[in-house]
């Protein structure tokens, strides 16, 4: 009974640090994403009041995504895995 406050304090700090880690890591990964709308005004700015979406991938990211999609067939198996082929590396 004399260690009960220490136990609750430890549980509280464990939950607080894990929650903070989840929030901060999400912010680091997603915080710098640019947002846009489905339609843009004459100057190319997002339209006020429309729902916001993440900006499309840049050229090299889109190419990498397409290489990955083309390298895997509909069953999830790597294409060209026969003898003498050059398989696409997975990212």
C-alpha atoms as a PDB file:
ATOM      1  CA  UNK A   1       0.000   0.000   0.000  1.00  0.00           C
ATOM      2  CA  UNK A   2       2.870   2.383   0.655  1.00  0.00           C
ATOM      3  CA  UNK A   3       4.052   2.114  -2.999  1.00  0.00           C
ATOM      4  CA  UNK A   4       0.611   2.693  -4.524  1.00  0.00           C
ATOM      5  CA  UNK A   5       1.212   6.391  -5.418  1.00  0.00           C
ATOM      6  CA  UNK A   6       4.516   5.461  -7.051  1.00  0.00           C
ATOM      7  CA  UNK A   7       2.783   2.760  -9.081  1.00  0.00           C
ATOM      8  CA  UNK A   8       0.084   5.161 -10.305  1.00  0.00           C
ATOM      9  CA  UNK A   9       2.688   7.814 -11.070  1.00  0.00           C
ATOM     10  CA  UNK A  10       4.700   5.293 -13.098  1.00  0.00           C
ATOM     11  CA  UNK A  11       1.624   4.183 -15.036  1.00  0.00           C
ATOM     12  CA  UNK A  12       0.671   7.811 -15.684  1.00  0.00           C
ATOM     13  CA  UNK A  13       4.142   8.710 -16.994  1.00  0.00           C
ATOM     14  CA  UNK A  14       4.299   5.590 -19.170  1.00  0.00           C
ATOM     15  CA  UNK A  15       0.959   6.444 -20.780  1.00  0.00           C
ATOM     16  CA  UNK A  16       1.853  10.134 -21.079  1.00  0.00           C
ATOM     17  CA  UNK A  17       5.190   9.442 -22.777  1.00  0.00           C
ATOM     18  CA  UNK A  18       3.723   6.880 -25.183  1.00  0.00           C
ATOM     19  CA  UNK A  19       0.871   9.220 -26.134  1.00  0.00           C
ATOM     20  CA  UNK A  20       3.324  12.088 -26.627  1.00  0.00           C
ATOM     21  CA  UNK A  21       5.511   9.859 -28.792  1.00  0.00           C
ATOM     22  CA  UNK A  22       2.568   8.930 -31.001  1.00  0.00           C
ATOM     23  CA  UNK A  23       1.482  12.536 -31.432  1.00  0.00           C
ATOM     24  CA  UNK A  24       4.979  13.920 -32.030  1.00  0.00           C
ATOM     25  CA  UNK A  25       5.976  11.197 -34.491  1.00  0.00           C
ATOM     26  CA  UNK A  26       2.754  11.731 -36.450  1.00  0.00           C
ATOM     27  CA  UNK A  27       3.394  15.458 -36.523  1.00  0.00           C
ATOM     28  CA  UNK A  28       6.961  14.938 -37.749  1.00  0.00           C
ATOM     29  CA  UNK A  29       5.790  12.698 -40.599  1.00  0.00           C
ATOM     30  CA  UNK A  30       2.578  14.489 -41.558  1.00  0.00           C
ATOM     31  CA  UNK A  31       3.024  18.026 -40.246  1.00  0.00           C
ATOM     32  CA  UNK A  32       4.757  19.426 -43.335  1.00  0.00           C
ATOM     33  CA  UNK A  33       2.300  18.064 -45.891  1.00  0.00           C
ATOM     34  CA  UNK A  34       0.883  20.715 -48.185  1.00  0.00           C
ATOM     35  CA  UNK A  35      -2.874  20.647 -48.626  1.00  0.00           C
ATOM     36  CA  UNK A  36      -4.988  21.538 -51.637  1.00  0.00           C
ATOM     37  CA  UNK A  37      -8.604  21.308 -52.786  1.00  0.00           C
ATOM     38  CA  UNK A  38     -10.151  19.431 -55.697  1.00  0.00           C
ATOM     39  CA  UNK A  39     -10.538  22.730 -57.602  1.00  0.00           C
ATOM     40  CA  UNK A  40      -8.250  25.771 -57.625  1.00  0.00           C
ATOM     41  CA  UNK A  41      -9.060  29.426 -58.257  1.00  0.00           C
ATOM     42  CA  UNK A  42      -7.604  31.564 -61.096  1.00  0.00           C
ATOM     43  CA  UNK A  43      -4.297  32.140 -59.263  1.00  0.00           C
ATOM     44  CA  UNK A  44      -3.863  28.426 -58.475  1.00  0.00           C
ATOM     45  CA  UNK A  45      -4.757  28.761 -54.793  1.00  0.00           C
ATOM     46  CA  UNK A  46      -7.085  26.341 -52.945  1.00  0.00           C
ATOM     47  CA  UNK A  47     -10.744  27.398 -52.943  1.00  0.00           C
ATOM     48  CA  UNK A  48     -11.957  28.552 -49.524  1.00  0.00           C
ATOM     49  CA  UNK A  49     -14.510  26.209 -47.936  1.00  0.00           C
ATOM     50  CA  UNK A  50     -13.778  23.146 -50.102  1.00  0.00           C
ATOM     51  CA  UNK A  51     -12.531  19.947 -48.408  1.00  0.00           C
ATOM     52  CA  UNK A  52      -8.742  19.744 -48.150  1.00  0.00           C
ATOM     53  CA  UNK A  53      -6.681  16.877 -49.567  1.00  0.00           C
ATOM     54  CA  UNK A  54      -2.930  16.132 -49.463  1.00  0.00           C
ATOM     55  CA  UNK A  55      -0.996  17.409 -52.465  1.00  0.00           C
ATOM     56  CA  UNK A  56      -0.200  14.773 -55.112  1.00  0.00           C
ATOM     57  CA  UNK A  57       3.169  13.045 -55.035  1.00  0.00           C
ATOM     58  CA  UNK A  58       6.130  14.698 -56.738  1.00  0.00           C
ATOM     59  CA  UNK A  59       7.624  13.221 -59.907  1.00  0.00           C
ATOM     60  CA  UNK A  60      10.198  10.865 -58.401  1.00  0.00           C
ATOM     61  CA  UNK A  61       7.802   9.618 -55.710  1.00  0.00           C
ATOM     62  CA  UNK A  62       5.142   8.931 -58.341  1.00  0.00           C
ATOM     63  CA  UNK A  63       7.677   7.064 -60.484  1.00  0.00           C
ATOM     64  CA  UNK A  64       8.745   4.925 -57.530  1.00  0.00           C
ATOM     65  CA  UNK A  65       5.137   4.099 -56.750  1.00  0.00           C
ATOM     66  CA  UNK A  66       4.543   3.089 -60.366  1.00  0.00           C
ATOM     67  CA  UNK A  67       7.650   0.861 -60.389  1.00  0.00           C
ATOM     68  CA  UNK A  68       6.382  -0.893 -57.284  1.00  0.00           C
ATOM     69  CA  UNK A  69       2.882  -1.324 -58.745  1.00  0.00           C
ATOM     70  CA  UNK A  70       4.236  -2.632 -62.071  1.00  0.00           C
ATOM     71  CA  UNK A  71       6.626  -5.026 -60.325  1.00  0.00           C
ATOM     72  CA  UNK A  72       3.905  -6.917 -58.439  1.00  0.00           C
ATOM     73  CA  UNK A  73       1.106  -8.865 -60.120  1.00  0.00           C
ATOM     74  CA  UNK A  74      -2.500  -9.173 -58.957  1.00  0.00           C
ATOM     75  CA  UNK A  75      -1.628 -12.025 -56.580  1.00  0.00           C
ATOM     76  CA  UNK A  76       1.162 -10.135 -54.841  1.00  0.00           C
ATOM     77  CA  UNK A  77       3.945 -12.152 -56.479  1.00  0.00           C
ATOM     78  CA  UNK A  78       6.909 -10.391 -58.007  1.00  0.00           C
ATOM     79  CA  UNK A  79       6.820 -10.315 -61.800  1.00  0.00           C
ATOM     80  CA  UNK A  80       9.768 -11.642 -63.744  1.00  0.00           C
ATOM     81  CA  UNK A  81      11.019 -13.901 -60.975  1.00  0.00           C
ATOM     82  CA  UNK A  82      12.031 -16.578 -63.469  1.00  0.00           C
ATOM     83  CA  UNK A  83      15.580 -17.561 -64.304  1.00  0.00           C
ATOM     84  CA  UNK A  84      17.718 -14.807 -65.828  1.00  0.00           C
ATOM     85  CA  UNK A  85      15.298 -12.011 -65.062  1.00  0.00           C
ATOM     86  CA  UNK A  86      16.106  -8.814 -63.249  1.00  0.00           C
ATOM     87  CA  UNK A  87      13.460  -8.478 -60.503  1.00  0.00           C
ATOM     88  CA  UNK A  88      12.304  -5.094 -59.309  1.00  0.00           C
ATOM     89  CA  UNK A  89      13.650  -4.404 -55.781  1.00  0.00           C
ATOM     90  CA  UNK A  90      11.004  -3.805 -53.145  1.00  0.00           C
ATOM     91  CA  UNK A  91      11.121  -0.612 -51.150  1.00  0.00           C
END
